[in-house]
Amino acid sequence: MKKIYFALIAVLSLGLMSFLTYTVEMNTVRSFTIDSLGACQGISYQNGRIFLYGDREVGMIREFKMVGDSLTYINKEYKLTRNGQDVINHPTGIAYNGTEPTFMGNSIRLNKEGTKWKAVIYCIDWKGLLKTGTLDGNLINTIDDDACIQGTRPEYIKYNNKWYVATADYGNNGNEVRLYDPAALKKAGKTSDKGVLFKKFTCTAWVQNLHWIPSKNALVLIQNQKEGRMWRFTYVDLKKSIETGTQQVIKEVNIEGKQDELEGFSFLGSPDKGIAVSSSRKNNVTFTNTAW
């Protein structure tokens, strides 16, 4: 009887531990203006290299680096064009991990009211793009993200020691985070093709981008509190969210005083200092501090 009792206690303890949350405190440090991006749509941090992307006269990426406590442009620009024509005109995410195929998202407005969108994911030769400066010869595949509800914003995450491309919807109805198999996605014509979608879970509204924190097994939903306005960072437990089918929130952080449209965010190598970007013309880049 005692063995059964202690076994039950152990199981219950593990169950309680599995649903414990930890504290996340986040604040902005200072904001400043980076020009020549159009409306900035996101940031990708890659082993010390910092890429900001936006929708200027064409979709484009500019490369920066940290010099002391400042973000400095290093005079490298990459246009998301092919044969001079705009291809990824509204870039909405870069899924890069250095080993798997690189994917970029594009959300294409189909009507002037902004109520109809087409989501496309592009598999690209990232090294080639950085070498030549355009998508000429570097566009591997174009995939219709028809499994989405509204928009696409690819980001690499790891689940059970395997890489997946996560993406999410922007709207306020039926939002999901979906996980795609990168090998299948690279060859697919559309994300509804067999073998592409691995798992999905429901999430809250107005997700602009995603950011994966491997050391915390956490996914940050980079969101607006209202459509196109006010900043929100929702830290979710990825594993529990996948297993339950709905987002399991560690901490929701609303940033006071930020009324513009948050578009992207990335930590800079460790989960304490980060950079957030907005679509505003002024003060569109903000340094952040996070305490766990």
C-alpha atoms as a PDB file:
ATOM      1  CA  MET A   1       0.000   0.000   0.000  1.00  0.00           C
ATOM      2  CA  LYS A   2       2.852   2.364   0.887  1.00  0.00           C
ATOM      3  CA  LYS A   3       4.506   1.669  -2.472  1.00  0.00           C
ATOM      4  CA  ILE A   4       1.294   2.585  -4.290  1.00  0.00           C
ATOM      5  CA  TYR A   5       0.920   5.745  -2.164  1.00  0.00           C
ATOM      6  CA  PHE A   6       4.459   6.951  -2.855  1.00  0.00           C
ATOM      7  CA  ALA A   7       4.121   6.087  -6.543  1.00  0.00           C
ATOM      8  CA  LEU A   8       0.979   8.239  -6.753  1.00  0.00           C
ATOM      9  CA  ILE A   9       2.739  11.092  -4.965  1.00  0.00           C
ATOM     10  CA  ALA A  10       5.629  10.863  -7.443  1.00  0.00           C
ATOM     11  CA  VAL A  11       3.292  10.891 -10.456  1.00  0.00           C
ATOM     12  CA  LEU A  12       1.310  13.839  -9.087  1.00  0.00           C
ATOM     13  CA  SER A  13       4.517  15.736  -8.349  1.00  0.00           C
ATOM     14  CA  LEU A  14       5.776  15.213 -11.885  1.00  0.00           C
ATOM     15  CA  GLY A  15       2.437  16.353 -13.226  1.00  0.00           C
ATOM     16  CA  LEU A  16       2.527  19.528 -11.142  1.00  0.00           C
ATOM     17  CA  MET A  17       6.129  20.202 -12.115  1.00  0.00           C
ATOM     18  CA  SER A  18       5.293  19.846 -15.801  1.00  0.00           C
ATOM     19  CA  PHE A  19       2.839  22.729 -15.551  1.00  0.00           C
ATOM     20  CA  LEU A  20       4.956  25.100 -13.463  1.00  0.00           C
ATOM     21  CA  THR A  21       5.727  28.412 -15.128  1.00  0.00           C
ATOM     22  CA  TYR A  22       8.685  30.693 -14.662  1.00  0.00           C
ATOM     23  CA  THR A  23       8.889  34.450 -14.454  1.00  0.00           C
ATOM     24  CA  VAL A  24       9.736  36.560 -17.486  1.00  0.00           C
ATOM     25  CA  GLU A  25      10.301  40.283 -16.996  1.00  0.00           C
ATOM     26  CA  MET A  26      10.853  42.353 -20.121  1.00  0.00           C
ATOM     27  CA  ASN A  27      11.465  46.053 -20.668  1.00  0.00           C
ATOM     28  CA  THR A  28      12.563  48.381 -23.444  1.00  0.00           C
ATOM     29  CA  VAL A  29      15.889  50.200 -23.129  1.00  0.00           C
ATOM     30  CA  ARG A  30      15.944  52.769 -25.938  1.00  0.00           C
ATOM     31  CA  SER A  31      14.509  53.295 -29.404  1.00  0.00           C
ATOM     32  CA  PHE A  32      16.127  54.816 -32.481  1.00  0.00           C
ATOM     33  CA  THR A  33      15.544  55.163 -36.214  1.00  0.00           C
ATOM     34  CA  ILE A  34      16.973  52.950 -38.956  1.00  0.00           C
ATOM     35  CA  ASP A  35      16.117  54.327 -42.384  1.00  0.00           C
ATOM     36  CA  SER A  36      15.995  52.834 -45.919  1.00  0.00           C
ATOM     37  CA  LEU A  37      13.953  49.778 -44.852  1.00  0.00           C
ATOM     38  CA  GLY A  38      10.520  50.941 -45.968  1.00  0.00           C
ATOM     39  CA  ALA A  39       8.211  49.546 -43.302  1.00  0.00           C
ATOM     40  CA  CYS A  40      10.470  47.185 -41.343  1.00  0.00           C
ATOM     41  CA  GLN A  41       8.896  43.720 -41.172  1.00  0.00           C
ATOM     42  CA  GLY A  42      11.321  41.730 -39.044  1.00  0.00           C
ATOM     43  CA  ILE A  43      14.773  40.838 -37.808  1.00  0.00           C
ATOM     44  CA  SER A  44      16.919  37.714 -38.155  1.00  0.00           C
ATOM     45  CA  TYR A  45      19.924  37.150 -35.884  1.00  0.00           C
ATOM     46  CA  GLN A  46      22.435  34.642 -37.270  1.00  0.00           C
ATOM     47  CA  ASN A  47      25.579  33.964 -35.234  1.00  0.00           C
ATOM     48  CA  GLY A  48      26.428  37.620 -34.693  1.00  0.00           C
ATOM     49  CA  ARG A  49      25.052  38.809 -38.037  1.00  0.00           C
ATOM     50  CA  ILE A  50      21.903  40.930 -37.845  1.00  0.00           C
ATOM     51  CA  PHE A  51      19.503  41.251 -40.775  1.00  0.00           C
ATOM     52  CA  LEU A  52      16.589  43.693 -40.873  1.00  0.00           C
ATOM     53  CA  TYR A  53      14.083  43.240 -43.675  1.00  0.00           C
ATOM     54  CA  GLY A  54      11.351  45.454 -45.036  1.00  0.00           C
ATOM     55  CA  ASP A  55       9.102  46.395 -47.940  1.00  0.00           C
ATOM     56  CA  ARG A  56      10.713  49.444 -49.484  1.00  0.00           C
ATOM     57  CA  GLU A  57      10.147  49.942 -53.246  1.00  0.00           C
ATOM     58  CA  VAL A  58      10.939  46.204 -53.380  1.00  0.00           C
ATOM     59  CA  GLY A  59      11.294  43.637 -50.638  1.00  0.00           C
ATOM     60  CA  MET A  60      14.802  43.911 -49.255  1.00  0.00           C
ATOM     61  CA  ILE A  61      17.221  42.991 -46.453  1.00  0.00           C
ATOM     62  CA  ARG A  62      19.971  45.091 -44.899  1.00  0.00           C
ATOM     63  CA  GLU A  63      22.802  43.715 -42.770  1.00  0.00           C
ATOM     64  CA  PHE A  64      23.967  45.233 -39.485  1.00  0.00           C
ATOM     65  CA  LYS A  65      26.283  44.423 -36.608  1.00  0.00           C
ATOM     66  CA  MET A  66      26.554  45.483 -33.000  1.00  0.00           C
ATOM     67  CA  VAL A  67      29.381  47.945 -32.370  1.00  0.00           C
ATOM     68  CA  GLY A  68      29.516  48.567 -28.641  1.00  0.00           C
ATOM     69  CA  ASP A  69      25.924  49.281 -27.711  1.00  0.00           C
ATOM     70  CA  SER A  70      24.966  50.556 -31.168  1.00  0.00           C
ATOM     71  CA  LEU A  71      23.506  48.870 -34.252  1.00  0.00           C
ATOM     72  CA  THR A  72      25.632  49.744 -37.273  1.00  0.00           C
ATOM     73  CA  TYR A  73      24.818  49.269 -40.973  1.00  0.00           C
ATOM     74  CA  ILE A  74      27.710  47.539 -42.777  1.00  0.00           C
ATOM     75  CA  ASN A  75      26.753  48.667 -46.322  1.00  0.00           C
ATOM     76  CA  LYS A  76      25.324  45.336 -47.421  1.00  0.00           C
ATOM     77  CA  GLU A  77      21.873  45.247 -48.981  1.00  0.00           C
ATOM     78  CA  TYR A  78      20.044  42.324 -50.580  1.00  0.00           C
ATOM     79  CA  LYS A  79      17.056  42.808 -52.870  1.00  0.00           C
ATOM     80  CA  LEU A  80      14.342  40.144 -52.989  1.00  0.00           C
ATOM     81  CA  THR A  81      14.003  40.447 -56.759  1.00  0.00           C
ATOM     82  CA  ARG A  82      14.512  38.191 -59.766  1.00  0.00           C
ATOM     83  CA  ASN A  83      15.237  39.568 -63.236  1.00  0.00           C
ATOM     84  CA  GLY A  84      14.682  42.996 -61.738  1.00  0.00           C
ATOM     85  CA  GLN A  85      11.136  42.143 -60.686  1.00  0.00           C
ATOM     86  CA  ASP A  86       9.931  42.267 -57.084  1.00  0.00           C
ATOM     87  CA  VAL A  87       9.324  38.705 -55.823  1.00  0.00           C
ATOM     88  CA  ILE A  88       9.112  38.764 -52.019  1.00  0.00           C
ATOM     89  CA  ASN A  89       7.499  42.193 -51.823  1.00  0.00           C
ATOM     90  CA  HIS A  90       6.279  41.916 -48.200  1.00  0.00           C
ATOM     91  CA  PRO A  91       8.762  39.652 -46.371  1.00  0.00           C
ATOM     92  CA  THR A  92       7.278  38.181 -43.192  1.00  0.00           C
ATOM     93  CA  GLY A  93       9.850  35.863 -41.686  1.00  0.00           C
ATOM     94  CA  ILE A  94      13.199  34.170 -42.281  1.00  0.00           C
ATOM     95  CA  ALA A  95      13.607  30.550 -41.160  1.00  0.00           C
ATOM     96  CA  TYR A  96      17.358  29.982 -40.936  1.00  0.00           C
ATOM     97  CA  ASN A  97      19.375  27.600 -38.758  1.00  0.00           C
ATOM     98  CA  GLY A  98      22.545  27.097 -40.787  1.00  0.00           C
ATOM     99  CA  THR A  99      21.958  23.434 -41.634  1.00  0.00           C
ATOM    100  CA  GLU A 100      18.423  23.039 -43.000  1.00  0.00           C
ATOM    101  CA  PRO A 101      16.972  24.767 -46.073  1.00  0.00           C
ATOM    102  CA  THR A 102      16.293  28.486 -45.629  1.00  0.00           C
ATOM    103  CA  PHE A 103      12.710  29.706 -46.055  1.00  0.00           C
ATOM    104  CA  MET A 104      11.224  33.176 -46.324  1.00  0.00           C
ATOM    105  CA  GLY A 105       7.581  34.173 -46.015  1.00  0.00           C
ATOM    106  CA  ASN A 106       5.559  36.620 -48.073  1.00  0.00           C
ATOM    107  CA  SER A 107       2.058  37.889 -47.391  1.00  0.00           C
ATOM    108  CA  ILE A 108       0.461  39.225 -50.573  1.00  0.00           C
ATOM    109  CA  ARG A 109      -2.513  41.591 -50.320  1.00  0.00           C
ATOM    110  CA  LEU A 110      -5.228  40.564 -52.810  1.00  0.00           C
ATOM    111  CA  ASN A 111      -7.623  43.498 -52.288  1.00  0.00           C
ATOM    112  CA  LYS A 112      -7.227  47.128 -51.279  1.00  0.00           C
ATOM    113  CA  GLU A 113      -9.308  46.616 -48.135  1.00  0.00           C
ATOM    114  CA  GLY A 114      -6.746  44.148 -46.826  1.00  0.00           C
ATOM    115  CA  THR A 115      -9.332  41.465 -46.119  1.00  0.00           C
ATOM    116  CA  LYS A 116      -7.930  38.906 -48.563  1.00  0.00           C
ATOM    117  CA  TRP A 117      -4.348  37.674 -48.529  1.00  0.00           C
ATOM    118  CA  LYS A 118      -2.264  35.016 -50.204  1.00  0.00           C
ATOM    119  CA  ALA A 119       0.578  33.475 -48.204  1.00  0.00           C
ATOM    120  CA  VAL A 120       3.671  32.147 -49.972  1.00  0.00           C
ATOM    121  CA  ILE A 121       6.807  30.486 -48.598  1.00  0.00           C
ATOM    122  CA  TYR A 122       9.998  30.590 -50.655  1.00  0.00           C
ATOM    123  CA  CYS A 123      12.868  28.150 -50.304  1.00  0.00           C
ATOM    124  CA  ILE A 124      15.987  30.118 -51.116  1.00  0.00           C
ATOM    125  CA  ASP A 125      19.733  29.631 -51.402  1.00  0.00           C
ATOM    126  CA  TRP A 126      20.670  31.896 -48.514  1.00  0.00           C
ATOM    127  CA  LYS A 127      24.424  31.836 -49.160  1.00  0.00           C
ATOM    128  CA  GLY A 128      23.773  32.618 -52.802  1.00  0.00           C
ATOM    129  CA  LEU A 129      21.503  35.553 -51.925  1.00  0.00           C
ATOM    130  CA  LEU A 130      24.132  37.021 -49.627  1.00  0.00           C
ATOM    131  CA  LYS A 131      26.780  36.583 -52.325  1.00  0.00           C
ATOM    132  CA  THR A 132      24.935  38.005 -55.324  1.00  0.00           C
ATOM    133  CA  GLY A 133      22.510  40.392 -53.623  1.00  0.00           C
ATOM    134  CA  THR A 134      19.353  39.222 -55.428  1.00  0.00           C
ATOM    135  CA  LEU A 135      17.210  36.111 -55.861  1.00  0.00           C
ATOM    136  CA  ASP A 136      18.551  35.543 -59.390  1.00  0.00           C
ATOM    137  CA  GLY A 137      19.671  31.900 -59.409  1.00  0.00           C
ATOM    138  CA  ASN A 138      18.889  31.629 -55.691  1.00  0.00           C
ATOM    139  CA  LEU A 139      15.159  30.845 -55.675  1.00  0.00           C
ATOM    140  CA  ILE A 140      14.863  27.085 -55.144  1.00  0.00           C
ATOM    141  CA  ASN A 141      11.104  26.643 -54.767  1.00  0.00           C
ATOM    142  CA  THR A 142       7.876  28.607 -54.341  1.00  0.00           C
ATOM    143  CA  ILE A 143       5.298  27.044 -52.008  1.00  0.00           C
ATOM    144  CA  ASP A 144       1.686  28.153 -51.652  1.00  0.00           C
ATOM    145  CA  ASP A 145       0.959  28.196 -47.909  1.00  0.00           C
ATOM    146  CA  ASP A 146      -2.653  27.145 -48.385  1.00  0.00           C
ATOM    147  CA  ALA A 147      -2.744  25.400 -44.978  1.00  0.00           C
ATOM    148  CA  CYS A 148      -2.620  28.817 -43.334  1.00  0.00           C
ATOM    149  CA  ILE A 149      -5.583  30.897 -42.231  1.00  0.00           C
ATOM    150  CA  GLN A 150      -4.033  34.338 -42.727  1.00  0.00           C
ATOM    151  CA  GLY A 151      -0.420  35.034 -43.613  1.00  0.00           C
ATOM    152  CA  THR A 152       2.826  33.182 -43.016  1.00  0.00           C
ATOM    153  CA  ARG A 153       5.906  33.902 -40.885  1.00  0.00           C
ATOM    154  CA  PRO A 154       8.408  30.993 -40.926  1.00  0.00           C
ATOM    155  CA  GLU A 155      10.818  30.340 -38.046  1.00  0.00           C
ATOM    156  CA  TYR A 156      12.894  27.245 -37.205  1.00  0.00           C
ATOM    157  CA  ILE A 157      12.101  25.462 -33.943  1.00  0.00           C
ATOM    158  CA  LYS A 158      13.231  22.120 -32.525  1.00  0.00           C
ATOM    159  CA  TYR A 159      10.822  19.531 -31.127  1.00  0.00           C
ATOM    160  CA  ASN A 160      11.916  16.081 -29.909  1.00  0.00           C
ATOM    161  CA  ASN A 161      15.401  16.715 -31.367  1.00  0.00           C
ATOM    162  CA  LYS A 162      14.086  17.400 -34.864  1.00  0.00           C
ATOM    163  CA  TRP A 163      13.925  20.713 -36.699  1.00  0.00           C
ATOM    164  CA  TYR A 164      10.597  22.027 -37.984  1.00  0.00           C
ATOM    165  CA  VAL A 165       9.519  25.243 -39.667  1.00  0.00           C
ATOM    166  CA  ALA A 166       6.919  26.942 -37.471  1.00  0.00           C
ATOM    167  CA  THR A 167       4.567  29.605 -38.785  1.00  0.00           C
ATOM    168  CA  ALA A 168       1.461  31.391 -37.511  1.00  0.00           C
ATOM    169  CA  ASP A 169      -1.568  33.421 -38.557  1.00  0.00           C
ATOM    170  CA  TYR A 170      -2.095  37.143 -38.082  1.00  0.00           C
ATOM    171  CA  GLY A 171      -5.896  37.435 -37.924  1.00  0.00           C
ATOM    172  CA  ASN A 172      -8.274  37.237 -34.988  1.00  0.00           C
ATOM    173  CA  ASN A 173     -10.256  34.139 -35.891  1.00  0.00           C
ATOM    174  CA  GLY A 174      -9.056  30.533 -35.679  1.00  0.00           C
ATOM    175  CA  ASN A 175      -5.374  31.393 -35.355  1.00  0.00           C
ATOM    176  CA  GLU A 176      -2.861  28.549 -35.323  1.00  0.00           C
ATOM    177  CA  VAL A 177       0.844  27.870 -35.022  1.00  0.00           C
ATOM    178  CA  ARG A 178       1.736  25.145 -37.531  1.00  0.00           C
ATOM    179  CA  LEU A 179       4.866  23.007 -37.783  1.00  0.00           C
ATOM    180  CA  TYR A 180       6.056  21.976 -41.244  1.00  0.00           C
ATOM    181  CA  ASP A 181       8.625  19.307 -42.072  1.00  0.00           C
ATOM    182  CA  PRO A 182      11.480  21.220 -43.788  1.00  0.00           C
ATOM    183  CA  ALA A 183      12.508  18.412 -46.157  1.00  0.00           C
ATOM    184  CA  ALA A 184       8.925  17.967 -47.345  1.00  0.00           C
ATOM    185  CA  LEU A 185       8.331  21.724 -47.470  1.00  0.00           C
ATOM    186  CA  LYS A 186      11.374  22.272 -49.674  1.00  0.00           C
ATOM    187  CA  LYS A 187       9.879  20.046 -52.398  1.00  0.00           C
ATOM    188  CA  ALA A 188       6.192  20.905 -51.946  1.00  0.00           C
ATOM    189  CA  GLY A 189       3.920  22.867 -54.236  1.00  0.00           C
ATOM    190  CA  LYS A 190       1.644  23.764 -51.350  1.00  0.00           C
ATOM    191  CA  THR A 191       1.680  23.259 -47.597  1.00  0.00           C
ATOM    192  CA  SER A 192      -1.446  21.103 -47.725  1.00  0.00           C
ATOM    193  CA  ASP A 193       0.566  18.468 -49.632  1.00  0.00           C
ATOM    194  CA  LYS A 194       0.872  15.130 -47.838  1.00  0.00           C
ATOM    195  CA  GLY A 195       3.694  14.983 -45.304  1.00  0.00           C
ATOM    196  CA  VAL A 196       4.295  18.734 -44.988  1.00  0.00           C
ATOM    197  CA  LEU A 197       2.180  19.574 -41.927  1.00  0.00           C
ATOM    198  CA  PHE A 198       3.463  17.839 -38.803  1.00  0.00           C
ATOM    199  CA  LYS A 199       1.554  19.369 -35.873  1.00  0.00           C
ATOM    200  CA  LYS A 200      -0.401  22.496 -35.017  1.00  0.00           C
ATOM    201  CA  PHE A 201      -1.885  24.278 -32.023  1.00  0.00           C
ATOM    202  CA  THR A 202      -4.274  27.191 -31.575  1.00  0.00           C
ATOM    203  CA  CYS A 203      -2.985  30.603 -30.529  1.00  0.00           C
ATOM    204  CA  THR A 204      -4.189  34.108 -29.807  1.00  0.00           C
ATOM    205  CA  ALA A 205      -4.677  36.901 -32.325  1.00  0.00           C
ATOM    206  CA  TRP A 206      -2.436  39.301 -34.223  1.00  0.00           C
ATOM    207  CA  VAL A 207       0.798  37.293 -34.397  1.00  0.00           C
ATOM    208  CA  GLN A 208       3.287  39.235 -36.522  1.00  0.00           C
ATOM    209  CA  ASN A 209       6.286  36.953 -36.164  1.00  0.00           C
ATOM    210  CA  LEU A 210       7.800  34.081 -34.161  1.00  0.00           C
ATOM    211  CA  HIS A 211      11.064  33.690 -32.263  1.00  0.00           C
ATOM    212  CA  TRP A 212      12.410  30.392 -30.892  1.00  0.00           C
ATOM    213  CA  ILE A 213      14.451  30.282 -27.656  1.00  0.00           C
ATOM    214  CA  PRO A 214      16.183  26.874 -27.589  1.00  0.00           C
ATOM    215  CA  SER A 215      17.646  27.228 -24.079  1.00  0.00           C
ATOM    216  CA  LYS A 216      14.146  27.737 -22.639  1.00  0.00           C
ATOM    217  CA  ASN A 217      12.214  25.415 -24.975  1.00  0.00           C
ATOM    218  CA  ALA A 218       9.999  28.456 -25.461  1.00  0.00           C
ATOM    219  CA  LEU A 219       8.462  30.122 -28.477  1.00  0.00           C
ATOM    220  CA  VAL A 220       7.760  33.853 -28.466  1.00  0.00           C
ATOM    221  CA  LEU A 221       4.621  34.994 -30.267  1.00  0.00           C
ATOM    222  CA  ILE A 222       5.443  38.533 -31.390  1.00  0.00           C
ATOM    223  CA  GLN A 223       2.044  40.174 -31.412  1.00  0.00           C
ATOM    224  CA  ASN A 224      -0.092  43.284 -31.446  1.00  0.00           C
ATOM    225  CA  GLN A 225      -2.606  43.816 -28.651  1.00  0.00           C
ATOM    226  CA  LYS A 226      -5.017  45.228 -31.243  1.00  0.00           C
ATOM    227  CA  GLU A 227      -4.963  44.952 -35.002  1.00  0.00           C
ATOM    228  CA  GLY A 228      -1.816  46.766 -36.132  1.00  0.00           C
ATOM    229  CA  ARG A 229      -1.248  48.485 -32.770  1.00  0.00           C
ATOM    230  CA  MET A 230       0.421  48.069 -29.370  1.00  0.00           C
ATOM    231  CA  TRP A 231       3.135  45.593 -28.430  1.00  0.00           C
ATOM    232  CA  ARG A 232       2.711  42.135 -26.936  1.00  0.00           C
ATOM    233  CA  PHE A 233       5.195  39.281 -26.412  1.00  0.00           C
ATOM    234  CA  THR A 234       3.631  35.942 -25.488  1.00  0.00           C
ATOM    235  CA  TYR A 235       6.099  33.328 -24.235  1.00  0.00           C
ATOM    236  CA  VAL A 236       4.665  29.833 -24.714  1.00  0.00           C
ATOM    237  CA  ASP A 237       5.911  26.392 -23.742  1.00  0.00           C
ATOM    238  CA  LEU A 238       6.375  24.798 -27.160  1.00  0.00           C
ATOM    239  CA  LYS A 239       6.313  21.160 -26.057  1.00  0.00           C
ATOM    240  CA  LYS A 240       3.174  21.494 -23.933  1.00  0.00           C
ATOM    241  CA  SER A 241       1.460  23.571 -26.618  1.00  0.00           C
ATOM    242  CA  ILE A 242       2.071  20.897 -29.253  1.00  0.00           C
ATOM    243  CA  GLU A 243       0.952  18.104 -26.945  1.00  0.00           C
ATOM    244  CA  THR A 244      -2.253  19.851 -25.804  1.00  0.00           C
ATOM    245  CA  GLY A 245      -3.157  21.406 -29.158  1.00  0.00           C
ATOM    246  CA  THR A 246      -3.430  24.930 -27.752  1.00  0.00           C
ATOM    247  CA  GLN A 247      -0.892  27.528 -26.621  1.00  0.00           C
ATOM    248  CA  GLN A 248       0.393  27.038 -23.078  1.00  0.00           C
ATOM    249  CA  VAL A 249       1.433  30.475 -21.867  1.00  0.00           C
ATOM    250  CA  ILE A 250       4.499  30.978 -19.699  1.00  0.00           C
ATOM    251  CA  LYS A 251       4.110  34.758 -19.589  1.00  0.00           C
ATOM    252  CA  GLU A 252       2.314  37.426 -21.593  1.00  0.00           C
ATOM    253  CA  VAL A 253       4.175  40.745 -21.654  1.00  0.00           C
ATOM    254  CA  ASN A 254       2.460  43.932 -22.806  1.00  0.00           C
ATOM    255  CA  ILE A 255       4.840  46.837 -23.373  1.00  0.00           C
ATOM    256  CA  GLU A 256       3.422  50.068 -22.023  1.00  0.00           C
ATOM    257  CA  GLY A 257       3.805  53.197 -24.107  1.00  0.00           C
ATOM    258  CA  LYS A 258       4.360  51.442 -27.426  1.00  0.00           C
ATOM    259  CA  GLN A 259       1.395  52.293 -29.653  1.00  0.00           C
ATOM    260  CA  ASP A 260       2.797  51.453 -33.090  1.00  0.00           C
ATOM    261  CA  GLU A 261       2.856  48.128 -34.970  1.00  0.00           C
ATOM    262  CA  LEU A 262       5.349  45.638 -33.561  1.00  0.00           C
ATOM    263  CA  GLU A 263       6.628  43.500 -36.448  1.00  0.00           C
ATOM    264  CA  GLY A 264       9.591  41.404 -35.298  1.00  0.00           C
ATOM    265  CA  PHE A 265      11.935  40.512 -32.483  1.00  0.00           C
ATOM    266  CA  SER A 266      15.080  38.516 -31.808  1.00  0.00           C
ATOM    267  CA  PHE A 267      17.375  37.858 -28.892  1.00  0.00           C
ATOM    268  CA  LEU A 268      21.038  38.501 -29.629  1.00  0.00           C
ATOM    269  CA  GLY A 269      22.647  35.156 -28.915  1.00  0.00           C
ATOM    270  CA  SER A 270      21.347  34.771 -25.354  1.00  0.00           C
ATOM    271  CA  PRO A 271      17.843  35.258 -23.925  1.00  0.00           C
ATOM    272  CA  ASP A 272      18.457  38.535 -22.117  1.00  0.00           C
ATOM    273  CA  LYS A 273      19.254  41.273 -24.642  1.00  0.00           C
ATOM    274  CA  GLY A 274      17.165  41.628 -27.763  1.00  0.00           C
ATOM    275  CA  ILE A 275      16.040  43.872 -30.588  1.00  0.00           C
ATOM    276  CA  ALA A 276      12.412  44.599 -31.491  1.00  0.00           C
ATOM    277  CA  VAL A 277      11.384  46.283 -34.755  1.00  0.00           C
ATOM    278  CA  SER A 278       8.250  48.107 -35.822  1.00  0.00           C
ATOM    279  CA  SER A 279       6.853  49.378 -39.119  1.00  0.00           C
ATOM    280  CA  SER A 280       7.082  53.032 -38.017  1.00  0.00           C
ATOM    281  CA  ARG A 281       9.222  55.458 -39.984  1.00  0.00           C
ATOM    282  CA  LYS A 282      10.823  56.814 -36.804  1.00  0.00           C
ATOM    283  CA  ASN A 283      12.031  54.975 -33.691  1.00  0.00           C
ATOM    284  CA  ASN A 284      11.484  51.684 -35.509  1.00  0.00           C
ATOM    285  CA  VAL A 285      14.235  49.751 -33.690  1.00  0.00           C
ATOM    286  CA  THR A 286      14.230  49.166 -29.923  1.00  0.00           C
ATOM    287  CA  PHE A 287      16.721  47.447 -27.625  1.00  0.00           C
ATOM    288  CA  THR A 288      15.173  45.266 -24.922  1.00  0.00           C
ATOM    289  CA  ASN A 289      16.269  43.581 -21.696  1.00  0.00           C
ATOM    290  CA  THR A 290      14.700  40.347 -20.411  1.00  0.00           C
ATOM    291  CA  ALA A 291      15.108  38.753 -16.985  1.00  0.00           C
ATOM    292  CA  TRP A 292      14.099  35.146 -16.313  1.00  0.00           C
END
